[in-house]
């Protein structure tokens, strides 16, 4: 019988290690323990954040895009903007402008109709 994780709790970068555990669980195949999850090429990383860094998961914006995409499905625009700011501060995305442009509409709902948002 094969064991499969059916659902992983939501996390965002502001939650620290919880976010990195989630990120690793989505990318590491077959870990049997938390130590397995933190082991990269035979080296045991002291934290999940360092393990994610060693895996190269933080050097790509795809995980950040996934985080924002998931949040855009159920979060209010103000929460999405706070998440975007958290990503800018804690995750150092390689191309923040691309992330902004991709999720600008989701983050600015309410501003466009209120007159506070400049028109192009």
N, C-alpha and C. Protein backbone atom coordinates (compact mmCIF):
# COMPACT_ATOMS: atom_id res chain seq x y z
N UNK A 1 0.84 -1.16 0.00
CA UNK A 1 0.00 0.00 0.00
C UNK A 1 0.89 1.24 0.00
N UNK A 2 0.55 2.23 -0.81
CA UNK A 2 1.32 3.44 -0.95
C UNK A 2 0.66 4.56 -0.14
N UNK A 3 1.45 5.24 0.69
CA UNK A 3 0.93 6.36 1.48
C UNK A 3 1.11 7.64 0.69
N UNK A 4 0.05 8.42 0.61
CA UNK A 4 0.08 9.66 -0.15
C UNK A 4 -0.49 10.78 0.72
N UNK A 5 0.17 11.93 0.69
CA UNK A 5 -0.35 13.09 1.40
C UNK A 5 -1.48 13.66 0.57
N UNK A 6 -2.65 13.80 1.17
CA UNK A 6 -3.81 14.30 0.44
C UNK A 6 -3.95 15.79 0.48
N UNK A 7 -3.47 16.42 1.55
CA UNK A 7 -3.63 17.86 1.69
C UNK A 7 -2.50 18.39 2.55
N UNK A 8 -1.93 19.49 2.13
CA UNK A 8 -0.87 20.14 2.89
C UNK A 8 -1.40 21.49 3.34
N UNK A 9 -1.19 21.82 4.60
CA UNK A 9 -1.66 23.07 5.17
C UNK A 9 -1.04 24.26 4.43
N UNK A 10 -1.83 25.30 4.26
CA UNK A 10 -1.37 26.51 3.60
C UNK A 10 -0.30 27.19 4.45
N UNK A 11 0.66 27.81 3.80
CA UNK A 11 1.69 28.56 4.50
C UNK A 11 2.17 29.70 3.64
N UNK A 12 2.65 30.76 4.28
CA UNK A 12 3.25 31.84 3.51
C UNK A 12 4.60 32.17 4.12
N UNK A 13 5.46 32.89 3.41
CA UNK A 13 6.82 33.13 3.88
C UNK A 13 6.90 33.79 5.25
N UNK A 14 5.89 34.52 5.64
CA UNK A 14 5.90 35.19 6.94
C UNK A 14 5.90 34.18 8.09
N UNK A 15 5.43 32.97 7.84
CA UNK A 15 5.36 31.94 8.88
C UNK A 15 6.68 31.22 9.09
N UNK A 16 7.69 31.59 8.37
CA UNK A 16 9.03 31.03 8.58
C UNK A 16 9.14 29.56 8.24
N UNK A 17 9.60 28.78 9.21
CA UNK A 17 9.89 27.37 8.98
C UNK A 17 8.68 26.59 8.46
N UNK A 18 7.48 26.94 8.89
CA UNK A 18 6.29 26.23 8.42
C UNK A 18 6.17 26.36 6.90
N UNK A 19 6.45 27.53 6.37
CA UNK A 19 6.40 27.74 4.92
C UNK A 19 7.45 26.87 4.23
N UNK A 20 8.65 26.82 4.79
CA UNK A 20 9.71 26.06 4.14
C UNK A 20 9.49 24.56 4.23
N UNK A 21 8.86 24.09 5.31
CA UNK A 21 8.48 22.67 5.39
C UNK A 21 7.50 22.36 4.26
N UNK A 22 6.52 23.21 4.09
CA UNK A 22 5.52 23.02 3.03
C UNK A 22 6.18 23.02 1.65
N UNK A 23 7.09 23.96 1.44
CA UNK A 23 7.80 24.06 0.17
C UNK A 23 8.59 22.78 -0.10
N UNK A 24 9.29 22.28 0.91
CA UNK A 24 10.06 21.05 0.75
C UNK A 24 9.15 19.85 0.51
N UNK A 25 8.04 19.77 1.24
CA UNK A 25 7.11 18.64 1.05
C UNK A 25 6.55 18.61 -0.38
N UNK A 26 6.45 19.76 -1.00
CA UNK A 26 5.95 19.82 -2.37
C UNK A 26 7.01 19.47 -3.41
N UNK A 27 8.29 19.42 -3.00
CA UNK A 27 9.35 19.19 -3.98
C UNK A 27 10.24 17.98 -3.70
N UNK A 28 10.30 17.53 -2.46
CA UNK A 28 11.17 16.39 -2.12
C UNK A 28 10.34 15.11 -2.17
N UNK A 29 10.82 14.13 -2.90
CA UNK A 29 10.09 12.87 -3.03
C UNK A 29 10.51 11.86 -1.98
N UNK A 30 9.52 11.28 -1.32
CA UNK A 30 9.72 10.16 -0.43
C UNK A 30 10.42 10.37 0.89
N UNK A 31 10.35 11.55 1.51
CA UNK A 31 11.00 11.66 2.82
C UNK A 31 10.24 10.83 3.86
N UNK A 32 10.98 10.21 4.77
CA UNK A 32 10.37 9.40 5.81
C UNK A 32 10.37 10.08 7.17
N UNK A 33 11.10 11.20 7.25
CA UNK A 33 11.16 11.93 8.51
C UNK A 33 11.50 13.39 8.20
N UNK A 34 11.44 14.22 9.25
CA UNK A 34 11.82 15.61 9.06
C UNK A 34 13.31 15.74 8.76
N UNK A 35 14.10 14.82 9.30
CA UNK A 35 15.53 14.82 8.98
C UNK A 35 15.75 14.50 7.51
N UNK A 36 14.99 13.55 6.96
CA UNK A 36 15.08 13.26 5.53
C UNK A 36 14.74 14.50 4.71
N UNK A 37 13.77 15.25 5.17
CA UNK A 37 13.33 16.44 4.47
C UNK A 37 14.42 17.52 4.47
N UNK A 38 15.21 17.56 5.54
CA UNK A 38 16.29 18.55 5.65
C UNK A 38 17.61 18.07 5.07
N UNK A 39 17.68 16.81 4.61
CA UNK A 39 18.91 16.27 4.06
C UNK A 39 18.98 16.52 2.56
N UNK A 40 20.06 17.18 2.17
CA UNK A 40 20.27 17.51 0.75
C UNK A 40 21.64 16.98 0.35
N UNK A 41 21.65 16.04 -0.58
CA UNK A 41 22.89 15.42 -1.06
C UNK A 41 23.76 14.92 0.10
N UNK A 42 23.12 14.27 1.07
CA UNK A 42 23.83 13.68 2.20
C UNK A 42 24.18 14.64 3.33
N UNK A 43 23.87 15.91 3.17
CA UNK A 43 24.17 16.91 4.20
C UNK A 43 22.88 17.29 4.91
N UNK A 44 22.90 17.19 6.24
CA UNK A 44 21.72 17.55 7.04
C UNK A 44 21.74 19.04 7.32
N UNK A 45 20.80 19.76 6.76
CA UNK A 45 20.69 21.20 6.98
C UNK A 45 20.11 21.45 8.37
N UNK A 46 20.58 22.48 9.07
CA UNK A 46 20.08 22.75 10.41
C UNK A 46 18.63 23.25 10.44
N UNK A 47 18.17 23.87 9.37
CA UNK A 47 16.79 24.39 9.32
C UNK A 47 16.15 24.01 7.98
N UNK A 48 14.83 24.10 7.94
CA UNK A 48 14.11 23.84 6.70
C UNK A 48 14.38 24.94 5.68
N UNK A 49 14.58 26.16 6.17
CA UNK A 49 14.91 27.27 5.28
C UNK A 49 16.22 27.00 4.56
N UNK A 50 17.23 26.56 5.31
CA UNK A 50 18.52 26.25 4.70
C UNK A 50 18.42 25.06 3.74
N UNK A 51 17.60 24.08 4.08
CA UNK A 51 17.41 22.93 3.17
C UNK A 51 16.76 23.39 1.87
N UNK A 52 15.77 24.27 1.96
CA UNK A 52 15.12 24.80 0.75
C UNK A 52 16.12 25.59 -0.09
N UNK A 53 16.98 26.33 0.58
CA UNK A 53 18.02 27.10 -0.12
C UNK A 53 18.99 26.15 -0.81
N UNK A 54 19.43 25.10 -0.09
CA UNK A 54 20.36 24.12 -0.66
C UNK A 54 19.73 23.39 -1.84
N UNK A 55 18.43 23.17 -1.80
CA UNK A 55 17.72 22.51 -2.90
C UNK A 55 17.59 23.44 -4.11
N UNK A 56 17.82 24.73 -3.90
CA UNK A 56 17.68 25.70 -4.99
C UNK A 56 16.25 26.17 -5.17
N UNK A 57 15.40 25.89 -4.19
CA UNK A 57 13.99 26.24 -4.32
C UNK A 57 13.73 27.73 -4.15
N UNK A 58 14.63 28.43 -3.50
CA UNK A 58 14.43 29.85 -3.26
C UNK A 58 15.10 30.71 -4.33
N UNK A 59 15.84 30.09 -5.21
CA UNK A 59 16.50 30.83 -6.29
C UNK A 59 15.58 31.00 -7.48
N UNK A 60 14.49 30.32 -7.46
CA UNK A 60 13.51 30.42 -8.55
C UNK A 60 12.28 31.11 -8.01
N UNK A 61 11.68 31.94 -8.84
CA UNK A 61 10.46 32.62 -8.43
C UNK A 61 9.23 31.75 -8.61
N UNK A 62 9.39 30.54 -9.16
CA UNK A 62 8.22 29.69 -9.40
C UNK A 62 7.50 29.32 -8.11
N UNK A 63 8.27 29.09 -7.03
CA UNK A 63 7.61 28.76 -5.76
C UNK A 63 6.88 29.98 -5.20
N UNK A 64 7.44 31.16 -5.42
CA UNK A 64 6.77 32.39 -4.97
C UNK A 64 5.52 32.67 -5.80
N UNK A 65 5.62 32.41 -7.10
CA UNK A 65 4.44 32.56 -7.96
C UNK A 65 3.35 31.60 -7.53
N UNK A 66 3.72 30.37 -7.21
CA UNK A 66 2.76 29.38 -6.74
C UNK A 66 2.08 29.81 -5.45
N UNK A 67 2.87 30.39 -4.57
CA UNK A 67 2.34 30.89 -3.30
C UNK A 67 1.32 32.00 -3.55
N UNK A 68 1.68 32.96 -4.40
CA UNK A 68 0.77 34.07 -4.72
C UNK A 68 -0.45 33.59 -5.48
N UNK A 69 -0.26 32.64 -6.39
CA UNK A 69 -1.39 32.11 -7.16
C UNK A 69 -2.39 31.43 -6.25
N UNK A 70 -1.89 30.61 -5.35
CA UNK A 70 -2.78 29.93 -4.41
C UNK A 70 -3.52 30.93 -3.52
N UNK A 71 -2.79 31.92 -3.04
CA UNK A 71 -3.40 32.94 -2.17
C UNK A 71 -4.42 33.78 -2.93
N UNK A 72 -4.19 34.02 -4.21
CA UNK A 72 -5.10 34.85 -4.99
C UNK A 72 -6.46 34.17 -5.19
N UNK A 73 -6.51 32.87 -4.99
CA UNK A 73 -7.76 32.14 -5.16
C UNK A 73 -8.73 32.34 -4.01
N UNK A 74 -8.20 32.67 -2.82
CA UNK A 74 -9.10 32.75 -1.66
C UNK A 74 -8.84 33.96 -0.75
N UNK A 75 -7.74 34.66 -0.93
CA UNK A 75 -7.42 35.78 -0.04
C UNK A 75 -8.04 37.09 -0.53
N UNK A 76 -8.30 37.98 0.41
CA UNK A 76 -8.74 39.32 0.09
C UNK A 76 -7.55 40.09 -0.49
N UNK A 77 -7.80 41.09 -1.33
CA UNK A 77 -6.69 41.85 -1.93
C UNK A 77 -5.72 42.44 -0.90
N UNK A 78 -6.23 42.90 0.24
CA UNK A 78 -5.32 43.46 1.26
C UNK A 78 -4.38 42.38 1.80
N UNK A 79 -4.87 41.17 1.99
CA UNK A 79 -4.02 40.07 2.45
C UNK A 79 -3.01 39.69 1.38
N UNK A 80 -3.43 39.72 0.14
CA UNK A 80 -2.53 39.40 -0.97
C UNK A 80 -1.42 40.44 -1.08
N UNK A 81 -1.75 41.71 -0.87
CA UNK A 81 -0.72 42.76 -0.89
C UNK A 81 0.26 42.59 0.26
N UNK A 82 -0.25 42.21 1.44
CA UNK A 82 0.63 41.97 2.59
C UNK A 82 1.55 40.79 2.31
N UNK A 83 1.01 39.74 1.69
CA UNK A 83 1.84 38.58 1.32
C UNK A 83 2.91 39.00 0.31
N UNK A 84 2.54 39.81 -0.66
CA UNK A 84 3.51 40.29 -1.66
C UNK A 84 4.63 41.07 -0.96
N UNK A 85 4.28 41.94 -0.02
CA UNK A 85 5.28 42.70 0.72
C UNK A 85 6.18 41.76 1.54
N UNK A 86 5.59 40.75 2.13
CA UNK A 86 6.37 39.77 2.90
C UNK A 86 7.35 39.05 1.99
N UNK A 87 6.91 38.68 0.81
CA UNK A 87 7.79 38.02 -0.16
C UNK A 87 8.94 38.94 -0.54
N UNK A 88 8.66 40.22 -0.74
CA UNK A 88 9.73 41.16 -1.09
C UNK A 88 10.76 41.27 0.03
N UNK A 89 10.30 41.29 1.27
CA UNK A 89 11.20 41.48 2.41
C UNK A 89 11.98 40.20 2.75
N UNK A 90 11.30 39.05 2.78
CA UNK A 90 11.92 37.84 3.30
C UNK A 90 12.44 36.86 2.25
N UNK A 91 11.96 36.96 1.02
CA UNK A 91 12.31 35.92 0.04
C UNK A 91 13.22 36.40 -1.08
N UNK A 92 13.41 37.71 -1.20
CA UNK A 92 14.31 38.26 -2.21
C UNK A 92 14.07 37.66 -3.60
N UNK A 93 12.88 37.89 -4.19
CA UNK A 93 12.59 37.33 -5.51
C UNK A 93 13.54 37.88 -6.56
N UNK A 94 13.82 37.06 -7.58
CA UNK A 94 14.76 37.49 -8.61
C UNK A 94 14.17 38.56 -9.51
N UNK A 95 12.85 38.54 -9.72
CA UNK A 95 12.23 39.54 -10.56
C UNK A 95 10.91 40.02 -9.94
N UNK A 96 10.99 40.93 -8.97
CA UNK A 96 9.79 41.38 -8.28
C UNK A 96 8.79 42.07 -9.20
N UNK A 97 9.28 42.75 -10.23
CA UNK A 97 8.37 43.44 -11.16
C UNK A 97 7.48 42.44 -11.90
N UNK A 98 8.06 41.33 -12.33
CA UNK A 98 7.25 40.29 -12.99
C UNK A 98 6.18 39.74 -12.06
N UNK A 99 6.55 39.50 -10.79
CA UNK A 99 5.58 39.02 -9.81
C UNK A 99 4.45 40.04 -9.64
N UNK A 100 4.83 41.32 -9.53
CA UNK A 100 3.82 42.37 -9.38
C UNK A 100 2.88 42.39 -10.59
N UNK A 101 3.46 42.40 -11.79
CA UNK A 101 2.64 42.49 -13.01
C UNK A 101 1.73 41.28 -13.16
N UNK A 102 2.19 40.13 -12.75
CA UNK A 102 1.37 38.92 -12.87
C UNK A 102 0.15 38.97 -11.93
N UNK A 103 0.33 39.55 -10.74
CA UNK A 103 -0.75 39.54 -9.74
C UNK A 103 -1.31 40.93 -9.45
N UNK A 104 -0.95 41.89 -10.27
CA UNK A 104 -1.41 43.27 -10.05
C UNK A 104 -2.93 43.38 -9.99
N UNK A 105 -3.61 42.75 -10.92
CA UNK A 105 -5.08 42.84 -10.93
C UNK A 105 -5.68 42.25 -9.65
N UNK A 106 -5.16 41.11 -9.21
CA UNK A 106 -5.68 40.49 -7.99
C UNK A 106 -5.43 41.36 -6.75
N UNK A 107 -4.26 42.02 -6.72
CA UNK A 107 -3.91 42.82 -5.56
C UNK A 107 -4.58 44.20 -5.55
N UNK A 108 -5.04 44.65 -6.71
CA UNK A 108 -5.57 46.01 -6.79
C UNK A 108 -7.09 46.07 -6.92
N UNK A 109 -7.76 44.95 -6.74
CA UNK A 109 -9.22 44.97 -6.76
C UNK A 109 -9.69 45.91 -5.67
N UNK A 110 -10.58 46.79 -6.00
CA UNK A 110 -11.06 47.77 -5.04
C UNK A 110 -10.42 49.13 -5.23
N UNK A 111 -9.12 49.15 -5.53
CA UNK A 111 -8.45 50.42 -5.78
C UNK A 111 -8.88 51.01 -7.12
N UNK A 112 -9.00 50.15 -8.13
CA UNK A 112 -9.34 50.64 -9.47
C UNK A 112 -10.71 51.30 -9.49
N UNK A 113 -11.67 50.71 -8.78
CA UNK A 113 -13.03 51.28 -8.78
C UNK A 113 -13.17 52.45 -7.82
N UNK A 114 -12.23 52.61 -6.88
CA UNK A 114 -12.34 53.67 -5.88
C UNK A 114 -11.78 55.00 -6.35
N UNK A 115 -11.04 55.00 -7.44
CA UNK A 115 -10.44 56.23 -7.92
C UNK A 115 -9.04 56.49 -7.37
N UNK A 116 -8.55 55.63 -6.46
CA UNK A 116 -7.21 55.80 -5.89
C UNK A 116 -6.13 55.23 -6.78
N UNK A 117 -6.51 54.46 -7.77
CA UNK A 117 -5.55 53.76 -8.62
C UNK A 117 -5.40 54.54 -9.91
N UNK A 118 -4.18 54.94 -10.30
CA UNK A 118 -4.01 55.71 -11.54
C UNK A 118 -4.37 54.89 -12.77
N UNK A 119 -5.01 55.53 -13.69
CA UNK A 119 -5.37 54.86 -14.96
C UNK A 119 -4.21 54.97 -15.94
N UNK A 120 -4.03 53.95 -16.74
CA UNK A 120 -2.96 53.96 -17.76
C UNK A 120 -3.37 54.74 -18.96
